[in-house]
Amino acid sequence: SGSPLPSFFLSQILDPLRAFIVCTSPRAITDLARWFLRNGHKCGLPVVRMKNNFAVEDSAEYDGNHDLMLCVLHTGVHGLSIIGEVQLHDGRMHALKVKVHRLYKVKR
């Protein structure tokens, strides 16, 4: 009928938009994060939250991933907004994570 979905249904959508960028160094991670903080609104992806998963190892939230997570807000043509996730990974840690995941799959 062309009417928007009721907000109840929209509240049930989890992680509809997720991307990761593999950086060459910790410096590249911080440079890219700064770029997003300064320029994200110009490309339609303003940062609404940033989480440093390099520093939460002792936290109850820690899930084993070391990255810098940026939550960005995208607003579509009809005014529907959605929050997406951009994860900034260190290249060496990402390569190790890929190897460990392969071992996990073989073990399964």
PDB file of N, CA and C in Angstrom:
ATOM      1  N   SER A   1       0.817  -1.202   0.000  1.00  0.00           N
ATOM      2  CA  SER A   1       0.000   0.000   0.000  1.00  0.00           C
ATOM      3  C   SER A   1       0.856   1.259   0.000  1.00  0.00           C
ATOM      4  N   GLY A   2       2.167   1.105   0.113  1.00  0.00           N
ATOM      5  CA  GLY A   2       3.044   2.257   0.074  1.00  0.00           C
ATOM      6  C   GLY A   2       3.254   2.934   1.415  1.00  0.00           C
ATOM      7  N   SER A   3       2.563   2.483   2.456  1.00  0.00           N
ATOM      8  CA  SER A   3       2.742   3.110   3.767  1.00  0.00           C
ATOM      9  C   SER A   3       3.985   2.534   4.433  1.00  0.00           C
ATOM     10  N   PRO A   4       4.654   3.341   5.258  1.00  0.00           N
ATOM     11  CA  PRO A   4       5.872   2.844   5.918  1.00  0.00           C
ATOM     12  C   PRO A   4       5.559   1.731   6.912  1.00  0.00           C
ATOM     13  N   LEU A   5       6.575   0.923   7.205  1.00  0.00           N
ATOM     14  CA  LEU A   5       6.425  -0.143   8.190  1.00  0.00           C
ATOM     15  C   LEU A   5       6.191   0.450   9.574  1.00  0.00           C
ATOM     16  N   PRO A   6       5.372  -0.197  10.389  1.00  0.00           N
ATOM     17  CA  PRO A   6       5.220   0.267  11.767  1.00  0.00           C
ATOM     18  C   PRO A   6       6.567   0.210  12.488  1.00  0.00           C
ATOM     19  N   SER A   7       6.787   1.136  13.410  1.00  0.00           N
ATOM     20  CA  SER A   7       8.078   1.216  14.095  1.00  0.00           C
ATOM     21  C   SER A   7       8.405  -0.070  14.859  1.00  0.00           C
ATOM     22  N   PHE A   8       7.403  -0.848  15.265  1.00  0.00           N
ATOM     23  CA  PHE A   8       7.678  -2.108  15.955  1.00  0.00           C
ATOM     24  C   PHE A   8       8.536  -3.015  15.083  1.00  0.00           C
ATOM     25  N   PHE A   9       8.182  -3.134  13.814  1.00  0.00           N
ATOM     26  CA  PHE A   9       8.950  -4.002  12.920  1.00  0.00           C
ATOM     27  C   PHE A   9      10.359  -3.475  12.717  1.00  0.00           C
ATOM     28  N   LEU A  10      10.493  -2.187  12.593  1.00  0.00           N
ATOM     29  CA  LEU A  10      11.811  -1.599  12.398  1.00  0.00           C
ATOM     30  C   LEU A  10      12.693  -1.811  13.614  1.00  0.00           C
ATOM     31  N   SER A  11      12.111  -1.853  14.794  1.00  0.00           N
ATOM     32  CA  SER A  11      12.913  -2.039  16.009  1.00  0.00           C
ATOM     33  C   SER A  11      13.462  -3.454  16.111  1.00  0.00           C
ATOM     34  N   GLN A  12      12.962  -4.380  15.298  1.00  0.00           N
ATOM     35  CA  GLN A  12      13.423  -5.768  15.343  1.00  0.00           C
ATOM     36  C   GLN A  12      14.590  -6.043  14.398  1.00  0.00           C
ATOM     37  N   ILE A  13      14.966  -5.054  13.586  1.00  0.00           N
ATOM     38  CA  ILE A  13      16.074  -5.228  12.647  1.00  0.00           C
ATOM     39  C   ILE A  13      17.383  -5.041  13.396  1.00  0.00           C
ATOM     40  N   LEU A  14      18.261  -6.044  13.326  1.00  0.00           N
ATOM     41  CA  LEU A  14      19.554  -5.976  13.992  1.00  0.00           C
ATOM     42  C   LEU A  14      20.666  -6.021  12.955  1.00  0.00           C
ATOM     43  N   ASP A  15      21.625  -5.138  13.071  1.00  0.00           N
ATOM     44  CA  ASP A  15      22.810  -5.098  12.205  1.00  0.00           C
ATOM     45  C   ASP A  15      22.498  -5.191  10.714  1.00  0.00           C
ATOM     46  N   PRO A  16      21.651  -4.326  10.198  1.00  0.00           N
ATOM     47  CA  PRO A  16      21.357  -4.396   8.767  1.00  0.00           C
ATOM     48  C   PRO A  16      22.489  -3.862   7.893  1.00  0.00           C
ATOM     49  N   LEU A  17      23.363  -3.076   8.489  1.00  0.00           N
ATOM     50  CA  LEU A  17      24.452  -2.465   7.732  1.00  0.00           C
ATOM     51  C   LEU A  17      25.730  -2.570   8.547  1.00  0.00           C
ATOM     52  N   ARG A  18      26.666  -3.350   8.051  1.00  0.00           N
ATOM     53  CA  ARG A  18      27.936  -3.520   8.755  1.00  0.00           C
ATOM     54  C   ARG A  18      29.045  -3.640   7.716  1.00  0.00           C
ATOM     55  N   ALA A  19      30.132  -2.955   7.980  1.00  0.00           N
ATOM     56  CA  ALA A  19      31.288  -3.027   7.087  1.00  0.00           C
ATOM     57  C   ALA A  19      32.542  -2.968   7.937  1.00  0.00           C
ATOM     58  N   PHE A  20      33.633  -3.488   7.388  1.00  0.00           N
ATOM     59  CA  PHE A  20      34.896  -3.306   8.085  1.00  0.00           C
ATOM     60  C   PHE A  20      35.947  -2.860   7.091  1.00  0.00           C
ATOM     61  N   ILE A  21      36.882  -2.082   7.608  1.00  0.00           N
ATOM     62  CA  ILE A  21      37.991  -1.575   6.811  1.00  0.00           C
ATOM     63  C   ILE A  21      39.259  -2.048   7.493  1.00  0.00           C
ATOM     64  N   VAL A  22      40.126  -2.725   6.749  1.00  0.00           N
ATOM     65  CA  VAL A  22      41.388  -3.211   7.293  1.00  0.00           C
ATOM     66  C   VAL A  22      42.441  -2.134   7.046  1.00  0.00           C
ATOM     67  N   CYS A  23      43.036  -1.646   8.124  1.00  0.00           N
ATOM     68  CA  CYS A  23      44.023  -0.572   8.057  1.00  0.00           C
ATOM     69  C   CYS A  23      45.436  -1.143   8.195  1.00  0.00           C
ATOM     70  N   THR A  24      46.408  -0.412   7.706  1.00  0.00           N
ATOM     71  CA  THR A  24      47.793  -0.891   7.686  1.00  0.00           C
ATOM     72  C   THR A  24      48.531  -0.686   9.003  1.00  0.00           C
ATOM     73  N   SER A  25      47.984   0.144   9.894  1.00  0.00           N
ATOM     74  CA  SER A  25      48.674   0.429  11.149  1.00  0.00           C
ATOM     75  C   SER A  25      47.699   1.057  12.136  1.00  0.00           C
ATOM     76  N   PRO A  26      48.074   1.067  13.425  1.00  0.00           N
ATOM     77  CA  PRO A  26      47.237   1.772  14.401  1.00  0.00           C
ATOM     78  C   PRO A  26      47.067   3.254  14.040  1.00  0.00           C
ATOM     79  N   ARG A  27      48.105   3.862  13.502  1.00  0.00           N
ATOM     80  CA  ARG A  27      48.017   5.268  13.090  1.00  0.00           C
ATOM     81  C   ARG A  27      46.962   5.449  12.001  1.00  0.00           C
ATOM     82  N   ALA A  28      46.926   4.514  11.054  1.00  0.00           N
ATOM     83  CA  ALA A  28      45.927   4.580   9.981  1.00  0.00           C
ATOM     84  C   ALA A  28      44.511   4.457  10.544  1.00  0.00           C
ATOM     85  N   ILE A  29      44.345   3.647  11.586  1.00  0.00           N
ATOM     86  CA  ILE A  29      43.036   3.509  12.234  1.00  0.00           C
ATOM     87  C   ILE A  29      42.608   4.840  12.827  1.00  0.00           C
ATOM     88  N   THR A  30      43.505   5.483  13.573  1.00  0.00           N
ATOM     89  CA  THR A  30      43.135   6.758  14.202  1.00  0.00           C
ATOM     90  C   THR A  30      42.930   7.852  13.152  1.00  0.00           C
ATOM     91  N   ASP A  31      43.743   7.852  12.095  1.00  0.00           N
ATOM     92  CA  ASP A  31      43.549   8.844  11.025  1.00  0.00           C
ATOM     93  C   ASP A  31      42.196   8.677  10.350  1.00  0.00           C
ATOM     94  N   LEU A  32      41.812   7.434  10.068  1.00  0.00           N
ATOM     95  CA  LEU A  32      40.526   7.173   9.419  1.00  0.00           C
ATOM     96  C   LEU A  32      39.362   7.517  10.345  1.00  0.00           C
ATOM     97  N   ALA A  33      39.498   7.196  11.624  1.00  0.00           N
ATOM     98  CA  ALA A  33      38.452   7.552  12.587  1.00  0.00           C
ATOM     99  C   ALA A  33      38.278   9.070  12.646  1.00  0.00           C
ATOM    100  N   ARG A  34      39.391   9.792  12.681  1.00  0.00           N
ATOM    101  CA  ARG A  34      39.313  11.263  12.682  1.00  0.00           C
ATOM    102  C   ARG A  34      38.624  11.770  11.417  1.00  0.00           C
ATOM    103  N   TRP A  35      38.939  11.137  10.273  1.00  0.00           N
ATOM    104  CA  TRP A  35      38.300  11.550   9.022  1.00  0.00           C
ATOM    105  C   TRP A  35      36.791  11.381   9.118  1.00  0.00           C
ATOM    106  N   PHE A  36      36.342  10.221   9.596  1.00  0.00           N
ATOM    107  CA  PHE A  36      34.898   9.984   9.744  1.00  0.00           C
ATOM    108  C   PHE A  36      34.272  11.001  10.692  1.00  0.00           C
ATOM    109  N   LEU A  37      34.939  11.280  11.810  1.00  0.00           N
ATOM    110  CA  LEU A  37      34.384  12.240  12.776  1.00  0.00           C
ATOM    111  C   LEU A  37      34.257  13.639  12.171  1.00  0.00           C
ATOM    112  N   ARG A  38      35.202  14.022  11.345  1.00  0.00           N
ATOM    113  CA  ARG A  38      35.192  15.366  10.740  1.00  0.00           C
ATOM    114  C   ARG A  38      34.344  15.443   9.478  1.00  0.00           C
ATOM    115  N   ASN A  39      34.261  14.353   8.718  1.00  0.00           N
ATOM    116  CA  ASN A  39      33.663  14.413   7.388  1.00  0.00           C
ATOM    117  C   ASN A  39      32.485  13.486   7.153  1.00  0.00           C
ATOM    118  N   GLY A  40      32.167  12.625   8.103  1.00  0.00           N
ATOM    119  CA  GLY A  40      31.090  11.655   7.891  1.00  0.00           C
ATOM    120  C   GLY A  40      29.774  12.299   7.517  1.00  0.00           C
ATOM    121  N   HIS A  41      29.465  13.440   8.132  1.00  0.00           N
ATOM    122  CA  HIS A  41      28.205  14.125   7.821  1.00  0.00           C
ATOM    123  C   HIS A  41      28.167  14.614   6.374  1.00  0.00           C
ATOM    124  N   LYS A  42      29.339  14.892   5.788  1.00  0.00           N
ATOM    125  CA  LYS A  42      29.392  15.385   4.402  1.00  0.00           C
ATOM    126  C   LYS A  42      29.023  14.296   3.400  1.00  0.00           C
ATOM    127  N   CYS A  43      29.268  13.034   3.756  1.00  0.00           N
ATOM    128  CA  CYS A  43      28.938  11.938   2.835  1.00  0.00           C
ATOM    129  C   CYS A  43      27.704  11.172   3.310  1.00  0.00           C
ATOM    130  N   GLY A  44      26.945  11.757   4.223  1.00  0.00           N
ATOM    131  CA  GLY A  44      25.695  11.148   4.662  1.00  0.00           C
ATOM    132  C   GLY A  44      25.849  10.072   5.709  1.00  0.00           C
ATOM    133  N   LEU A  45      27.023  10.010   6.372  1.00  0.00           N
ATOM    134  CA  LEU A  45      27.257   9.001   7.409  1.00  0.00           C
ATOM    135  C   LEU A  45      27.877   9.644   8.660  1.00  0.00           C
ATOM    136  N   PRO A  46      27.133  10.517   9.338  1.00  0.00           N
ATOM    137  CA  PRO A  46      27.696  11.118  10.554  1.00  0.00           C
ATOM    138  C   PRO A  46      27.889  10.064  11.644  1.00  0.00           C
ATOM    139  N   VAL A  47      28.965  10.186  12.388  1.00  0.00           N
ATOM    140  CA  VAL A  47      29.259   9.262  13.481  1.00  0.00           C
ATOM    141  C   VAL A  47      28.403   9.652  14.675  1.00  0.00           C
ATOM    142  N   VAL A  48      27.652   8.675  15.209  1.00  0.00           N
ATOM    143  CA  VAL A  48      26.805   8.937  16.379  1.00  0.00           C
ATOM    144  C   VAL A  48      27.345   8.258  17.635  1.00  0.00           C
ATOM    145  N   ARG A  49      28.297   7.330  17.448  1.00  0.00           N
ATOM    146  CA  ARG A  49      28.906   6.633  18.583  1.00  0.00           C
ATOM    147  C   ARG A  49      30.229   6.041  18.122  1.00  0.00           C
ATOM    148  N   MET A  50      31.184   6.019  19.022  1.00  0.00           N
ATOM    149  CA  MET A  50      32.466   5.389  18.728  1.00  0.00           C
ATOM    150  C   MET A  50      32.830   4.510  19.916  1.00  0.00           C
ATOM    151  N   LYS A  51      33.265   3.289  19.625  1.00  0.00           N
ATOM    152  CA  LYS A  51      33.625   2.357  20.695  1.00  0.00           C
ATOM    153  C   LYS A  51      35.020   1.810  20.424  1.00  0.00           C
ATOM    154  N   ASN A  52      35.906   2.004  21.367  1.00  0.00           N
ATOM    155  CA  ASN A  52      37.286   1.548  21.250  1.00  0.00           C
ATOM    156  C   ASN A  52      37.391   0.151  21.849  1.00  0.00           C
ATOM    157  N   ASN A  53      37.336  -0.865  21.005  1.00  0.00           N
ATOM    158  CA  ASN A  53      37.430  -2.247  21.477  1.00  0.00           C
ATOM    159  C   ASN A  53      38.865  -2.698  21.718  1.00  0.00           C
ATOM    160  N   PHE A  54      39.813  -1.788  21.552  1.00  0.00           N
ATOM    161  CA  PHE A  54      41.186  -2.081  21.945  1.00  0.00           C
ATOM    162  C   PHE A  54      41.340  -1.903  23.452  1.00  0.00           C
ATOM    163  N   ALA A  55      40.401  -1.180  24.076  1.00  0.00           N
ATOM    164  CA  ALA A  55      40.540  -0.799  25.480  1.00  0.00           C
ATOM    165  C   ALA A  55      39.493  -1.407  26.403  1.00  0.00           C
ATOM    166  N   VAL A  56      38.720  -2.401  25.953  1.00  0.00           N
ATOM    167  CA  VAL A  56      37.628  -2.920  26.786  1.00  0.00           C
ATOM    168  C   VAL A  56      37.834  -4.370  27.215  1.00  0.00           C
ATOM    169  N   GLU A  57      39.050  -4.855  27.202  1.00  0.00           N
ATOM    170  CA  GLU A  57      39.309  -6.264  27.471  1.00  0.00           C
ATOM    171  C   GLU A  57      38.749  -6.736  28.817  1.00  0.00           C
ATOM    172  N   ASP A  58      38.769  -5.885  29.809  1.00  0.00           N
ATOM    173  CA  ASP A  58      38.271  -6.270  31.129  1.00  0.00           C
ATOM    174  C   ASP A  58      36.776  -6.004  31.299  1.00  0.00           C
ATOM    175  N   SER A  59      36.150  -5.478  30.281  1.00  0.00           N
ATOM    176  CA  SER A  59      34.746  -5.114  30.355  1.00  0.00           C
ATOM    177  C   SER A  59      33.851  -6.336  30.125  1.00  0.00           C
ATOM    178  N   ALA A  60      32.664  -6.286  30.697  1.00  0.00           N
ATOM    179  CA  ALA A  60      31.685  -7.348  30.471  1.00  0.00           C
ATOM    180  C   ALA A  60      31.221  -7.353  29.016  1.00  0.00           C
ATOM    181  N   GLU A  61      31.384  -6.223  28.312  1.00  0.00           N
ATOM    182  CA  GLU A  61      30.975  -6.111  26.910  1.00  0.00           C
ATOM    183  C   GLU A  61      31.975  -6.742  25.946  1.00  0.00           C
ATOM    184  N   TYR A  62      33.178  -7.037  26.386  1.00  0.00           N
ATOM    185  CA  TYR A  62      34.244  -7.473  25.490  1.00  0.00           C
ATOM    186  C   TYR A  62      33.884  -8.794  24.822  1.00  0.00           C
ATOM    187  N   ASP A  63      33.953  -8.822  23.498  1.00  0.00           N
ATOM    188  CA  ASP A  63      33.599 -10.029  22.748  1.00  0.00           C
ATOM    189  C   ASP A  63      34.797 -10.675  22.056  1.00  0.00           C
ATOM    190  N   GLY A  64      36.012 -10.234  22.371  1.00  0.00           N
ATOM    191  CA  GLY A  64      37.208 -10.820  21.793  1.00  0.00           C
ATOM    192  C   GLY A  64      37.733 -10.103  20.574  1.00  0.00           C
ATOM    193  N   ASN A  65      36.983  -9.153  20.060  1.00  0.00           N
ATOM    194  CA  ASN A  65      37.421  -8.414  18.882  1.00  0.00           C
ATOM    195  C   ASN A  65      38.154  -7.144  19.282  1.00  0.00           C
ATOM    196  N   HIS A  66      39.296  -6.922  18.665  1.00  0.00           N
ATOM    197  CA  HIS A  66      40.030  -5.687  18.858  1.00  0.00           C
ATOM    198  C   HIS A  66      39.844  -4.853  17.597  1.00  0.00           C
ATOM    199  N   ASP A  67      39.054  -3.805  17.717  1.00  0.00           N
ATOM    200  CA  ASP A  67      38.814  -2.904  16.608  1.00  0.00           C
ATOM    201  C   ASP A  67      38.321  -1.571  17.152  1.00  0.00           C
ATOM    202  N   LEU A  68      38.146  -0.637  16.262  1.00  0.00           N
ATOM    203  CA  LEU A  68      37.518   0.628  16.614  1.00  0.00           C
ATOM    204  C   LEU A  68      36.211   0.646  15.850  1.00  0.00           C
ATOM    205  N   MET A  69      35.104   0.712  16.568  1.00  0.00           N
ATOM    206  CA  MET A  69      33.797   0.623  15.936  1.00  0.00           C
ATOM    207  C   MET A  69      33.151   2.005  15.890  1.00  0.00           C
ATOM    208  N   LEU A  70      32.715   2.380  14.696  1.00  0.00           N
ATOM    209  CA  LEU A  70      32.001   3.630  14.505  1.00  0.00           C
ATOM    210  C   LEU A  70      30.559   3.309  14.153  1.00  0.00           C
ATOM    211  N   CYS A  71      29.631   3.862  14.890  1.00  0.00           N
ATOM    212  CA  CYS A  71      28.221   3.737  14.530  1.00  0.00           C
ATOM    213  C   CYS A  71      27.866   4.998  13.745  1.00  0.00           C
ATOM    214  N   VAL A  72      27.358   4.803  12.547  1.00  0.00           N
ATOM    215  CA  VAL A  72      27.046   5.914  11.661  1.00  0.00           C
ATOM    216  C   VAL A  72      25.552   5.922  11.354  1.00  0.00           C
ATOM    217  N   LEU A  73      25.018   7.115  11.146  1.00  0.00           N
ATOM    218  CA  LEU A  73      23.597   7.278  10.879  1.00  0.00           C
ATOM    219  C   LEU A  73      23.383   7.561   9.399  1.00  0.00           C
ATOM    220  N   HIS A  74      22.591   6.718   8.759  1.00  0.00           N
ATOM    221  CA  HIS A  74      22.237   6.942   7.354  1.00  0.00           C
ATOM    222  C   HIS A  74      20.754   7.266   7.293  1.00  0.00           C
ATOM    223  N   THR A  75      20.418   8.354   6.612  1.00  0.00           N
ATOM    224  CA  THR A  75      19.024   8.738   6.427  1.00  0.00           C
ATOM    225  C   THR A  75      18.685   8.586   4.953  1.00  0.00           C
ATOM    226  N   GLY A  76      17.689   7.765   4.689  1.00  0.00           N
ATOM    227  CA  GLY A  76      17.291   7.476   3.313  1.00  0.00           C
ATOM    228  C   GLY A  76      16.434   8.569   2.703  1.00  0.00           C
ATOM    229  N   VAL A  77      16.026   8.334   1.458  1.00  0.00           N
ATOM    230  CA  VAL A  77      15.291   9.347   0.699  1.00  0.00           C
ATOM    231  C   VAL A  77      13.922   9.666   1.284  1.00  0.00           C
ATOM    232  N   HIS A  78      13.321   8.748   1.992  1.00  0.00           N
ATOM    233  CA  HIS A  78      12.002   8.990   2.573  1.00  0.00           C
ATOM    234  C   HIS A  78      12.090   9.341   4.059  1.00  0.00           C
ATOM    235  N   GLY A  79      13.281   9.706   4.513  1.00  0.00           N
ATOM    236  CA  GLY A  79      13.463  10.122   5.898  1.00  0.00           C
ATOM    237  C   GLY A  79      13.670   8.975   6.872  1.00  0.00           C
ATOM    238  N   LEU A  80      13.690   7.738   6.375  1.00  0.00           N
ATOM    239  CA  LEU A  80      13.936   6.593   7.250  1.00  0.00           C
ATOM    240  C   LEU A  80      15.416   6.553   7.603  1.00  0.00           C
ATOM    241  N   SER A  81      15.720   6.572   8.888  1.00  0.00           N
ATOM    242  CA  SER A  81      17.112   6.548   9.352  1.00  0.00           C
ATOM    243  C   SER A  81      17.457   5.176   9.885  1.00  0.00           C
ATOM    244  N   ILE A  82      18.714   4.797   9.673  1.00  0.00           N
ATOM    245  CA  ILE A  82      19.184   3.523  10.168  1.00  0.00           C
ATOM    246  C   ILE A  82      20.632   3.694  10.619  1.00  0.00           C
ATOM    247  N   ILE A  83      20.987   3.030  11.701  1.00  0.00           N
ATOM    248  CA  ILE A  83      22.349   3.101  12.207  1.00  0.00           C
ATOM    249  C   ILE A  83      23.124   1.895  11.687  1.00  0.00           C
ATOM    250  N   GLY A  84      24.273   2.164  11.128  1.00  0.00           N
ATOM    251  CA  GLY A  84      25.152   1.117  10.628  1.00  0.00           C
ATOM    252  C   GLY A  84      26.453   1.120  11.396  1.00  0.00           C
ATOM    253  N   GLU A  85      27.247   0.116  11.155  1.00  0.00           N
ATOM    254  CA  GLU A  85      28.486  -0.075  11.888  1.00  0.00           C
ATOM    255  C   GLU A  85      29.655  -0.131  10.906  1.00  0.00           C
ATOM    256  N   VAL A  86      30.681   0.658  11.175  1.00  0.00           N
ATOM    257  CA  VAL A  86      31.920   0.595  10.408  1.00  0.00           C
ATOM    258  C   VAL A  86      33.012   0.207  11.393  1.00  0.00           C
ATOM    259  N   GLN A  87      33.602  -0.972  11.196  1.00  0.00           N
ATOM    260  CA  GLN A  87      34.660  -1.466  12.075  1.00  0.00           C
ATOM    261  C   GLN A  87      36.004  -1.204  11.422  1.00  0.00           C
ATOM    262  N   LEU A  88      36.924  -0.599  12.180  1.00  0.00           N
ATOM    263  CA  LEU A  88      38.265  -0.335  11.682  1.00  0.00           C
ATOM    264  C   LEU A  88      39.199  -1.351  12.324  1.00  0.00           C
ATOM    265  N   HIS A  89      39.799  -2.208  11.511  1.00  0.00           N
ATOM    266  CA  HIS A  89      40.654  -3.294  11.991  1.00  0.00           C
ATOM    267  C   HIS A  89      42.118  -3.012  11.666  1.00  0.00           C
ATOM    268  N   ASP A  90      43.005  -3.473  12.533  1.00  0.00           N
ATOM    269  CA  ASP A  90      44.434  -3.466  12.261  1.00  0.00           C
ATOM    270  C   ASP A  90      44.740  -4.658  11.355  1.00  0.00           C
ATOM    271  N   GLY A  91      45.538  -4.447  10.307  1.00  0.00           N
ATOM    272  CA  GLY A  91      45.817  -5.485   9.320  1.00  0.00           C
ATOM    273  C   GLY A  91      46.409  -6.753   9.905  1.00  0.00           C
ATOM    274  N   ARG A  92      47.382  -6.621  10.805  1.00  0.00           N
ATOM    275  CA  ARG A  92      48.013  -7.816  11.384  1.00  0.00           C
ATOM    276  C   ARG A  92      47.036  -8.592  12.261  1.00  0.00           C
ATOM    277  N   MET A  93      46.247  -7.878  13.041  1.00  0.00           N
ATOM    278  CA  MET A  93      45.263  -8.564  13.896  1.00  0.00           C
ATOM    279  C   MET A  93      44.174  -9.216  13.052  1.00  0.00           C
ATOM    280  N   HIS A  94      43.796  -8.563  11.965  1.00  0.00           N
ATOM    281  CA  HIS A  94      42.770  -9.115  11.093  1.00  0.00           C
ATOM    282  C   HIS A  94      43.262 -10.404  10.427  1.00  0.00           C
ATOM    283  N   ALA A  95      44.517 -10.402   9.971  1.00  0.00           N
ATOM    284  CA  ALA A  95      45.088 -11.605   9.344  1.00  0.00           C
ATOM    285  C   ALA A  95      45.105 -12.767  10.333  1.00  0.00           C
ATOM    286  N   LEU A  96      45.453 -12.489  11.575  1.00  0.00           N
ATOM    287  CA  LEU A  96      45.464 -13.528  12.606  1.00  0.00           C
ATOM    288  C   LEU A  96      44.041 -14.031  12.868  1.00  0.00           C
ATOM    289  N   LYS A  97      43.090 -13.122  12.917  1.00  0.00           N
ATOM    290  CA  LYS A  97      41.697 -13.503  13.149  1.00  0.00           C
ATOM    291  C   LYS A  97      41.191 -14.426  12.037  1.00  0.00           C
ATOM    292  N   VAL A  98      41.569 -14.135  10.790  1.00  0.00           N
ATOM    293  CA  VAL A  98      41.161 -14.975   9.650  1.00  0.00           C
ATOM    294  C   VAL A  98      41.744 -16.375   9.799  1.00  0.00           C
ATOM    295  N   LYS A  99      43.026 -16.477  10.187  1.00  0.00           N
ATOM    296  CA  LYS A  99      43.665 -17.789  10.367  1.00  0.00           C
ATOM    297  C   LYS A  99      42.997 -18.582  11.489  1.00  0.00           C
ATOM    298  N   VAL A 100      42.736 -17.919  12.601  1.00  0.00           N
ATOM    299  CA  VAL A 100      42.102 -18.585  13.741  1.00  0.00           C
ATOM    300  C   VAL A 100      40.702 -19.054  13.353  1.00  0.00           C
ATOM    301  N   HIS A 101      39.988 -18.252  12.579  1.00  0.00           N
ATOM    302  CA  HIS A 101      38.636 -18.647  12.164  1.00  0.00           C
ATOM    303  C   HIS A 101      38.680 -19.875  11.257  1.00  0.00           C
ATOM    304  N   ARG A 102      39.697 -19.955  10.393  1.00  0.00           N
ATOM    305  CA  ARG A 102      39.840 -21.143   9.544  1.00  0.00           C
ATOM    306  C   ARG A 102      40.050 -22.391  10.399  1.00  0.00           C
ATOM    307  N   LEU A 103      40.891 -22.287  11.437  1.00  0.00           N
ATOM    308  CA  LEU A 103      41.108 -23.419  12.342  1.00  0.00           C
ATOM    309  C   LEU A 103      39.806 -23.807  13.046  1.00  0.00           C
ATOM    310  N   TYR A 104      39.054 -22.808  13.456  1.00  0.00           N
ATOM    311  CA  TYR A 104      37.772 -23.054  14.115  1.00  0.00           C
ATOM    312  C   TYR A 104      36.848 -23.834  13.189  1.00  0.00           C
ATOM    313  N   LYS A 105      36.788 -23.435  11.898  1.00  0.00           N
ATOM    314  CA  LYS A 105      35.928 -24.122  10.948  1.00  0.00           C
ATOM    315  C   LYS A 105      36.361 -25.563  10.721  1.00  0.00           C
ATOM    316  N   VAL A 106      37.682 -25.802  10.674  1.00  0.00           N
ATOM    317  CA  VAL A 106      38.197 -27.166  10.498  1.00  0.00           C
ATOM    318  C   VAL A 106      37.850 -28.014  11.714  1.00  0.00           C
ATOM    319  N   LYS A 107      37.984 -27.449  12.897  1.00  0.00           N
ATOM    320  CA  LYS A 107      37.697 -28.173  14.134  1.00  0.00           C
ATOM    321  C   LYS A 107      36.220 -28.545  14.236  1.00  0.00           C
ATOM    322  N   ARG A 108      35.352 -27.689  13.753  1.00  0.00           N
ATOM    323  CA  ARG A 108      33.902 -27.952  13.787  1.00  0.00           C
ATOM    324  C   ARG A 108      33.618 -29.154  12.952  1.00  0.00           C
TER     325      ARG A 108
END
